[in-house]
Amino acid sequence: MKTLVLASGEGTRMRPLTECINKNMIPIDGKPVLEHIVEHLKCYGFVDIVMAVGVLKKQVMNYFGDGRRWNVKIEYSESDELQGTAGELAKAKSYFENEKDFLVYYGDTLTATNLINFYQYHKQHRGVMTLNGIMGLPIETGIIECGANSKVTAYREKVSLDVITSIPVFFCANEILKSENIQKGKDFSYDVIPEFIAKDEVFLYMEDKNYHYDVGTLDRLRKVSETFKLGRVGIEKTIK
């Protein structure tokens, strides 16, 4: 089974760092974010990888090559302009046309999701998409509660909301390639996922114990780097 790793974004929220380095190549715990992802995929046997690359793409391609150093196979879908997340799948469509199912993995996401269990769940439900979720992820801003006349009655910092947060690692069935939203300029979150929810063809996978780190901003990068530095968690270390 093939995996599409999205590593083509500009990294605007991580400037000035990303003015000279591909955002997915920023190191955490001594290795690029993308290397953590490749090792996570390899641990579960997902060794056929297509990387969608754009901005500063040579940094990714020169580092990973064909993937043999990690005992995986890596191919590249190259673009010189932004495609949108769903647009990247459209550009790489030829790699996935003969796949019954495939995995989409955002290149700024670190997770210890058990990909084998996740795929078994996807096969069991046979939806067009199976999303990955985690409950109770802390939010990064304070919550203000107000009463009459705008008087603040409570303030809570970094609370864990009783909601399901999306982890941008998800399985797709081949049927998704027929969607009109799989085209340049379209986005999975805003266009593709709502389309198939409306058709009642999207399912949710949840794990009781899961790690999820979004490293898409400088502040998040700092926090994740500190977490790894302190040895609290490492993506490979948490895989069972």
C-alpha atoms as a PDB file:
ATOM      1  CA  MET A   1       0.000   0.000   0.000  1.00  0.00           C
ATOM      2  CA  LYS A   2       1.232   3.474  -0.859  1.00  0.00           C
ATOM      3  CA  THR A   3       1.382   6.510   1.406  1.00  0.00           C
ATOM      4  CA  LEU A   4       1.181  10.112   0.236  1.00  0.00           C
ATOM      5  CA  VAL A   5       3.252  12.356   2.509  1.00  0.00           C
ATOM      6  CA  LEU A   6       2.427  16.030   2.052  1.00  0.00           C
ATOM      7  CA  ALA A   7       5.665  18.009   2.309  1.00  0.00           C
ATOM      8  CA  SER A   8       5.103  20.862  -0.109  1.00  0.00           C
ATOM      9  CA  GLY A   9       3.866  23.781   1.993  1.00  0.00           C
ATOM     10  CA  GLU A  10       5.485  27.188   2.390  1.00  0.00           C
ATOM     11  CA  GLY A  11       5.642  27.115   6.185  1.00  0.00           C
ATOM     12  CA  THR A  12       4.512  30.732   6.466  1.00  0.00           C
ATOM     13  CA  ARG A  13       3.673  30.334  10.161  1.00  0.00           C
ATOM     14  CA  MET A  14       7.250  29.268  10.864  1.00  0.00           C
ATOM     15  CA  ARG A  15       9.082  32.183   9.268  1.00  0.00           C
ATOM     16  CA  PRO A  16      11.836  33.328   9.348  1.00  0.00           C
ATOM     17  CA  LEU A  17      13.040  29.756   9.979  1.00  0.00           C
ATOM     18  CA  THR A  18      11.412  28.450   6.799  1.00  0.00           C
ATOM     19  CA  GLU A  19      12.958  31.095   4.573  1.00  0.00           C
ATOM     20  CA  CYS A  20      15.987  28.839   4.240  1.00  0.00           C
ATOM     21  CA  ILE A  21      14.773  25.389   5.293  1.00  0.00           C
ATOM     22  CA  ASN A  22      11.854  23.238   4.191  1.00  0.00           C
ATOM     23  CA  LYS A  23       9.424  23.238   7.119  1.00  0.00           C
ATOM     24  CA  ASN A  24       9.249  19.440   7.129  1.00  0.00           C
ATOM     25  CA  MET A  25      13.029  19.198   7.367  1.00  0.00           C
ATOM     26  CA  ILE A  26      13.283  21.171  10.619  1.00  0.00           C
ATOM     27  CA  PRO A  27      15.043  18.896  13.132  1.00  0.00           C
ATOM     28  CA  ILE A  28      13.437  17.545  16.295  1.00  0.00           C
ATOM     29  CA  ASP A  29      15.506  15.357  18.587  1.00  0.00           C
ATOM     30  CA  GLY A  30      18.359  15.357  16.067  1.00  0.00           C
ATOM     31  CA  LYS A  31      16.442  14.380  12.937  1.00  0.00           C
ATOM     32  CA  PRO A  32      14.040  16.089  10.519  1.00  0.00           C
ATOM     33  CA  VAL A  33      10.299  15.888  11.146  1.00  0.00           C
ATOM     34  CA  LEU A  34       9.970  13.929   7.891  1.00  0.00           C
ATOM     35  CA  GLU A  35      12.475  11.352   9.109  1.00  0.00           C
ATOM     36  CA  HIS A  36      10.342  10.692  12.200  1.00  0.00           C
ATOM     37  CA  ILE A  37       7.407  10.164   9.840  1.00  0.00           C
ATOM     38  CA  VAL A  38       9.328   7.796   7.552  1.00  0.00           C
ATOM     39  CA  GLU A  39      10.455   5.742  10.565  1.00  0.00           C
ATOM     40  CA  HIS A  40       6.897   5.615  11.889  1.00  0.00           C
ATOM     41  CA  LEU A  41       5.640   4.347   8.527  1.00  0.00           C
ATOM     42  CA  LYS A  42       8.469   1.811   8.301  1.00  0.00           C
ATOM     43  CA  CYS A  43       7.674   0.416  11.773  1.00  0.00           C
ATOM     44  CA  TYR A  44       4.229  -0.615  10.542  1.00  0.00           C
ATOM     45  CA  GLY A  45       5.277  -1.881   7.127  1.00  0.00           C
ATOM     46  CA  PHE A  46       4.185   1.155   5.111  1.00  0.00           C
ATOM     47  CA  VAL A  47       7.312   1.221   2.998  1.00  0.00           C
ATOM     48  CA  ASP A  48       5.990   2.505  -0.363  1.00  0.00           C
ATOM     49  CA  ILE A  49       6.025   6.290   0.001  1.00  0.00           C
ATOM     50  CA  VAL A  50       5.241   9.140  -2.372  1.00  0.00           C
ATOM     51  CA  MET A  51       6.385  12.536  -1.098  1.00  0.00           C
ATOM     52  CA  ALA A  52       4.635  15.596  -2.520  1.00  0.00           C
ATOM     53  CA  VAL A  53       7.324  18.271  -2.536  1.00  0.00           C
ATOM     54  CA  GLY A  54       7.364  21.900  -3.612  1.00  0.00           C
ATOM     55  CA  VAL A  55       9.001  24.746  -1.700  1.00  0.00           C
ATOM     56  CA  LEU A  56      12.702  23.989  -1.110  1.00  0.00           C
ATOM     57  CA  LYS A  57      12.022  20.506  -2.454  1.00  0.00           C
ATOM     58  CA  LYS A  58      15.659  19.679  -3.179  1.00  0.00           C
ATOM     59  CA  GLN A  59      16.387  19.636   0.544  1.00  0.00           C
ATOM     60  CA  VAL A  60      13.921  16.771   0.948  1.00  0.00           C
ATOM     61  CA  MET A  61      14.963  14.912  -2.190  1.00  0.00           C
ATOM     62  CA  ASN A  62      18.690  15.169  -1.514  1.00  0.00           C
ATOM     63  CA  TYR A  63      18.271  13.974   2.073  1.00  0.00           C
ATOM     64  CA  PHE A  64      15.994  10.996   1.479  1.00  0.00           C
ATOM     65  CA  GLY A  65      16.911   9.976  -2.054  1.00  0.00           C
ATOM     66  CA  ASP A  66      15.142   6.761  -2.965  1.00  0.00           C
ATOM     67  CA  GLY A  67      14.671   5.803   0.695  1.00  0.00           C
ATOM     68  CA  ARG A  68      16.943   2.761   0.738  1.00  0.00           C
ATOM     69  CA  ARG A  69      18.803   4.064   3.787  1.00  0.00           C
ATOM     70  CA  TRP A  70      15.571   3.533   5.760  1.00  0.00           C
ATOM     71  CA  ASN A  71      14.658   0.333   3.910  1.00  0.00           C
ATOM     72  CA  VAL A  72      11.698   2.035   2.251  1.00  0.00           C
ATOM     73  CA  LYS A  73      10.917   3.108  -1.314  1.00  0.00           C
ATOM     74  CA  ILE A  74      10.455   6.838  -1.828  1.00  0.00           C
ATOM     75  CA  GLU A  75       9.222   8.522  -5.006  1.00  0.00           C
ATOM     76  CA  TYR A  76       8.473  12.205  -5.513  1.00  0.00           C
ATOM     77  CA  SER A  77       5.588  14.215  -6.890  1.00  0.00           C
ATOM     78  CA  GLU A  78       7.190  17.577  -7.654  1.00  0.00           C
ATOM     79  CA  SER A  79       5.500  20.930  -8.023  1.00  0.00           C
ATOM     80  CA  ASP A  80       6.815  24.449  -8.569  1.00  0.00           C
ATOM     81  CA  GLU A  81       3.649  26.118  -7.275  1.00  0.00           C
ATOM     82  CA  LEU A  82       1.165  25.537  -4.466  1.00  0.00           C
ATOM     83  CA  GLN A  83      -1.468  22.910  -5.262  1.00  0.00           C
ATOM     84  CA  GLY A  84      -3.540  22.702  -2.075  1.00  0.00           C
ATOM     85  CA  THR A  85      -3.597  19.476  -0.061  1.00  0.00           C
ATOM     86  CA  ALA A  86      -6.165  17.787  -2.308  1.00  0.00           C
ATOM     87  CA  GLY A  87      -4.395  19.275  -5.314  1.00  0.00           C
ATOM     88  CA  GLU A  88      -1.239  17.417  -4.311  1.00  0.00           C
ATOM     89  CA  LEU A  89      -3.156  14.144  -4.513  1.00  0.00           C
ATOM     90  CA  ALA A  90      -4.471  15.181  -7.927  1.00  0.00           C
ATOM     91  CA  LYS A  91      -0.918  15.857  -9.126  1.00  0.00           C
ATOM     92  CA  ALA A  92       0.254  12.494  -7.748  1.00  0.00           C
ATOM     93  CA  LYS A  93      -2.862  10.651  -8.946  1.00  0.00           C
ATOM     94  CA  SER A  94      -0.993   8.271 -11.256  1.00  0.00           C
ATOM     95  CA  TYR A  95       0.793   6.733  -8.258  1.00  0.00           C
ATOM     96  CA  PHE A  96      -2.508   5.762  -6.605  1.00  0.00           C
ATOM     97  CA  GLU A  97      -4.848   4.791  -9.431  1.00  0.00           C
ATOM     98  CA  ASN A  98      -4.148   1.077  -8.953  1.00  0.00           C
ATOM     99  CA  GLU A  99      -4.318   1.177  -5.152  1.00  0.00           C
ATOM    100  CA  LYS A 100      -7.475  -0.111  -3.472  1.00  0.00           C
ATOM    101  CA  ASP A 101      -6.640   2.008  -0.431  1.00  0.00           C
ATOM    102  CA  PHE A 102      -3.892   4.431   0.480  1.00  0.00           C
ATOM    103  CA  LEU A 103      -2.737   6.555   3.399  1.00  0.00           C
ATOM    104  CA  VAL A 104      -2.405  10.349   3.446  1.00  0.00           C
ATOM    105  CA  TYR A 105       0.046  11.729   6.023  1.00  0.00           C
ATOM    106  CA  TYR A 106       0.625  15.458   6.604  1.00  0.00           C
ATOM    107  CA  GLY A 107       4.346  16.225   6.772  1.00  0.00           C
ATOM    108  CA  ASP A 108       4.152  18.485   9.837  1.00  0.00           C
ATOM    109  CA  THR A 109       2.425  15.912  12.036  1.00  0.00           C
ATOM    110  CA  LEU A 110       3.992  13.519  14.518  1.00  0.00           C
ATOM    111  CA  THR A 111       1.802  10.760  15.870  1.00  0.00           C
ATOM    112  CA  ALA A 112       2.222   7.311  17.366  1.00  0.00           C
ATOM    113  CA  THR A 113      -1.006   5.978  15.870  1.00  0.00           C
ATOM    114  CA  ASN A 114      -0.938   2.212  15.413  1.00  0.00           C
ATOM    115  CA  LEU A 115      -1.266   2.216  11.632  1.00  0.00           C
ATOM    116  CA  ILE A 116      -2.046  -1.495  11.385  1.00  0.00           C
ATOM    117  CA  ASN A 117      -5.013  -1.222  13.742  1.00  0.00           C
ATOM    118  CA  PHE A 118      -6.044   1.954  11.974  1.00  0.00           C
ATOM    119  CA  TYR A 119      -6.038   0.239   8.570  1.00  0.00           C
ATOM    120  CA  GLN A 120      -7.953  -2.773   9.862  1.00  0.00           C
ATOM    121  CA  TYR A 121     -10.628  -0.391  11.103  1.00  0.00           C
ATOM    122  CA  HIS A 122     -10.734   1.294   7.711  1.00  0.00           C
ATOM    123  CA  LYS A 123     -11.161  -2.042   5.926  1.00  0.00           C
ATOM    124  CA  GLN A 124     -13.898  -3.091   8.337  1.00  0.00           C
ATOM    125  CA  HIS A 125     -16.031  -0.019   7.704  1.00  0.00           C
ATOM    126  CA  ARG A 126     -15.218   0.446   3.994  1.00  0.00           C
ATOM    127  CA  GLY A 127     -15.855   4.155   3.896  1.00  0.00           C
ATOM    128  CA  VAL A 128     -14.284   6.380   1.270  1.00  0.00           C
ATOM    129  CA  MET A 129     -12.327   8.048   4.082  1.00  0.00           C
ATOM    130  CA  THR A 130     -11.416   7.048   7.630  1.00  0.00           C
ATOM    131  CA  LEU A 131     -10.286   9.941   9.775  1.00  0.00           C
ATOM    132  CA  ASN A 132      -7.969   9.747  12.757  1.00  0.00           C
ATOM    133  CA  GLY A 133      -8.966  11.454  16.006  1.00  0.00           C
ATOM    134  CA  ILE A 134      -7.897  12.051  19.580  1.00  0.00           C
ATOM    135  CA  MET A 135     -10.038  13.148  22.520  1.00  0.00           C
ATOM    136  CA  GLY A 136      -9.205  15.907  24.963  1.00  0.00           C
ATOM    137  CA  LEU A 137      -6.229  17.554  23.287  1.00  0.00           C
ATOM    138  CA  PRO A 138      -5.267  20.726  25.227  1.00  0.00           C
ATOM    139  CA  ILE A 139      -5.854  23.974  23.394  1.00  0.00           C
ATOM    140  CA  GLU A 140      -3.171  26.647  23.359  1.00  0.00           C
ATOM    141  CA  THR A 141      -5.199  29.638  24.489  1.00  0.00           C
ATOM    142  CA  GLY A 142      -7.125  30.654  27.573  1.00  0.00           C
ATOM    143  CA  ILE A 143     -10.904  30.246  27.845  1.00  0.00           C
ATOM    144  CA  ILE A 144     -12.892  33.219  29.173  1.00  0.00           C
ATOM    145  CA  GLU A 145     -16.378  32.821  30.638  1.00  0.00           C
ATOM    146  CA  CYS A 146     -18.559  35.927  30.945  1.00  0.00           C
ATOM    147  CA  GLY A 147     -21.737  36.793  32.774  1.00  0.00           C
ATOM    148  CA  ALA A 148     -23.973  39.851  32.683  1.00  0.00           C
ATOM    149  CA  ASN A 149     -22.543  43.191  31.569  1.00  0.00           C
ATOM    150  CA  SER A 150     -19.432  41.469  30.142  1.00  0.00           C
ATOM    151  CA  LYS A 151     -18.175  40.665  33.640  1.00  0.00           C
ATOM    152  CA  VAL A 152     -15.619  37.843  33.525  1.00  0.00           C
ATOM    153  CA  THR A 153     -16.724  34.985  35.766  1.00  0.00           C
ATOM    154  CA  ALA A 154     -13.966  32.470  35.062  1.00  0.00           C
ATOM    155  CA  TYR A 155     -10.695  32.069  33.194  1.00  0.00           C
ATOM    156  CA  ARG A 156      -9.114  28.737  32.363  1.00  0.00           C
ATOM    157  CA  GLU A 157      -5.718  28.339  30.729  1.00  0.00           C
ATOM    158  CA  LYS A 158      -4.704  25.434  28.439  1.00  0.00           C
ATOM    159  CA  VAL A 159      -7.790  23.387  29.137  1.00  0.00           C
ATOM    160  CA  SER A 160      -8.559  20.042  27.505  1.00  0.00           C
ATOM    161  CA  LEU A 161     -11.879  20.353  25.737  1.00  0.00           C
ATOM    162  CA  ASP A 162     -14.234  17.413  25.610  1.00  0.00           C
ATOM    163  CA  VAL A 163     -14.120  17.282  21.822  1.00  0.00           C
ATOM    164  CA  ILE A 164     -12.464  15.077  19.212  1.00  0.00           C
ATOM    165  CA  THR A 165      -9.477  16.661  17.497  1.00  0.00           C
ATOM    166  CA  SER A 166      -8.450  15.589  14.014  1.00  0.00           C
ATOM    167  CA  ILE A 167      -5.018  14.082  13.448  1.00  0.00           C
ATOM    168  CA  PRO A 168      -4.179  14.712   9.766  1.00  0.00           C
ATOM    169  CA  VAL A 169      -3.265  11.111   8.998  1.00  0.00           C
ATOM    170  CA  PHE A 170      -6.097   9.292   7.246  1.00  0.00           C
ATOM    171  CA  PHE A 171      -6.950   6.400   4.940  1.00  0.00           C
ATOM    172  CA  CYS A 172      -8.671   6.835   1.597  1.00  0.00           C
ATOM    173  CA  ALA A 173     -10.341   4.340  -0.698  1.00  0.00           C
ATOM    174  CA  ASN A 174      -9.618   4.505  -4.417  1.00  0.00           C
ATOM    175  CA  GLU A 175     -13.067   6.028  -5.012  1.00  0.00           C
ATOM    176  CA  ILE A 176     -11.841   9.336  -3.652  1.00  0.00           C
ATOM    177  CA  LEU A 177      -9.852   9.882  -6.832  1.00  0.00           C
ATOM    178  CA  LYS A 178     -13.138  10.331  -8.723  1.00  0.00           C
ATOM    179  CA  SER A 179     -14.094  13.369  -6.661  1.00  0.00           C
ATOM    180  CA  GLU A 180     -14.241  16.703  -8.472  1.00  0.00           C
ATOM    181  CA  ASN A 181     -12.566  18.190  -5.404  1.00  0.00           C
ATOM    182  CA  ILE A 182      -9.370  16.260  -6.083  1.00  0.00           C
ATOM    183  CA  GLN A 183      -7.911  19.062  -8.139  1.00  0.00           C
ATOM    184  CA  LYS A 184      -5.519  21.988  -7.918  1.00  0.00           C
ATOM    185  CA  GLY A 185      -6.502  24.587  -5.344  1.00  0.00           C
ATOM    186  CA  LYS A 186      -8.712  22.267  -3.294  1.00  0.00           C
ATOM    187  CA  ASP A 187      -8.164  21.267   0.310  1.00  0.00           C
ATOM    188  CA  PHE A 188      -8.943  18.049   2.159  1.00  0.00           C
ATOM    189  CA  SER A 189     -10.317  19.833   5.233  1.00  0.00           C
ATOM    190  CA  TYR A 190     -12.440  22.442   3.481  1.00  0.00           C
ATOM    191  CA  ASP A 191     -13.518  20.587   0.356  1.00  0.00           C
ATOM    192  CA  VAL A 192     -12.967  16.818   0.248  1.00  0.00           C
ATOM    193  CA  ILE A 193     -13.860  15.726   3.778  1.00  0.00           C
ATOM    194  CA  PRO A 194     -17.135  17.741   3.889  1.00  0.00           C
ATOM    195  CA  GLU A 195     -18.082  16.294   0.494  1.00  0.00           C
ATOM    196  CA  PHE A 196     -17.906  12.707   1.678  1.00  0.00           C
ATOM    197  CA  ILE A 197     -19.418  13.442   5.090  1.00  0.00           C
ATOM    198  CA  ALA A 198     -22.446  14.726   3.188  1.00  0.00           C
ATOM    199  CA  LYS A 199     -22.534  11.400   1.350  1.00  0.00           C
ATOM    200  CA  ASP A 200     -22.330   9.504   4.678  1.00  0.00           C
ATOM    201  CA  GLU A 201     -19.071   7.822   3.644  1.00  0.00           C
ATOM    202  CA  VAL A 202     -16.615   8.987   6.327  1.00  0.00           C
ATOM    203  CA  PHE A 203     -15.742   7.079   9.515  1.00  0.00           C
ATOM    204  CA  LEU A 204     -13.714   7.949  12.608  1.00  0.00           C
ATOM    205  CA  TYR A 205     -10.919   5.923  14.169  1.00  0.00           C
ATOM    206  CA  MET A 206      -9.933   6.592  17.781  1.00  0.00           C
ATOM    207  CA  GLU A 207      -7.151   5.225  19.972  1.00  0.00           C
ATOM    208  CA  ASP A 208      -7.259   5.365  23.763  1.00  0.00           C
ATOM    209  CA  LYS A 209      -3.559   6.134  24.038  1.00  0.00           C
ATOM    210  CA  ASN A 210      -2.250   8.304  21.272  1.00  0.00           C
ATOM    211  CA  TYR A 211       0.384  10.960  20.786  1.00  0.00           C
ATOM    212  CA  HIS A 212      -0.161  13.826  18.414  1.00  0.00           C
ATOM    213  CA  TYR A 213       2.138  16.763  17.785  1.00  0.00           C
ATOM    214  CA  ASP A 214       1.443  19.442  15.201  1.00  0.00           C
ATOM    215  CA  VAL A 215       4.718  21.235  14.526  1.00  0.00           C
ATOM    216  CA  GLY A 216       3.277  23.772  12.110  1.00  0.00           C
ATOM    217  CA  THR A 217       4.159  26.908  14.111  1.00  0.00           C
ATOM    218  CA  LEU A 218       7.318  28.166  15.819  1.00  0.00           C
ATOM    219  CA  ASP A 219       5.694  27.937  19.261  1.00  0.00           C
ATOM    220  CA  ARG A 220       4.569  24.351  18.686  1.00  0.00           C
ATOM    221  CA  LEU A 221       7.998  23.455  17.348  1.00  0.00           C
ATOM    222  CA  ARG A 222       9.613  24.794  20.515  1.00  0.00           C
ATOM    223  CA  LYS A 223       7.231  22.858  22.762  1.00  0.00           C
ATOM    224  CA  VAL A 224       7.651  19.590  20.856  1.00  0.00           C
ATOM    225  CA  SER A 225      11.431  19.969  20.810  1.00  0.00           C
ATOM    226  CA  GLU A 226      11.440  20.432  24.582  1.00  0.00           C
ATOM    227  CA  THR A 227       9.220  17.383  25.021  1.00  0.00           C
ATOM    228  CA  PHE A 228      11.608  15.216  23.020  1.00  0.00           C
ATOM    229  CA  LYS A 229      14.654  16.738  24.707  1.00  0.00           C
ATOM    230  CA  LEU A 230      13.287  15.821  28.124  1.00  0.00           C
ATOM    231  CA  GLY A 231      12.698  12.254  26.943  1.00  0.00           C
ATOM    232  CA  ARG A 232       8.989  12.395  27.685  1.00  0.00           C
ATOM    233  CA  VAL A 233       8.051  10.882  24.377  1.00  0.00           C
ATOM    234  CA  GLY A 234       9.587   9.849  21.084  1.00  0.00           C
ATOM    235  CA  ILE A 235       7.478   8.707  18.186  1.00  0.00           C
ATOM    236  CA  GLU A 236       9.459   5.515  17.645  1.00  0.00           C
ATOM    237  CA  LYS A 237       9.688   4.789  21.379  1.00  0.00           C
ATOM    238  CA  THR A 238       5.940   4.816  21.848  1.00  0.00           C
ATOM    239  CA  ILE A 239       5.154   2.287  19.125  1.00  0.00           C
ATOM    240  CA  LYS A 240       4.190  -1.129  20.455  1.00  0.00           C
END
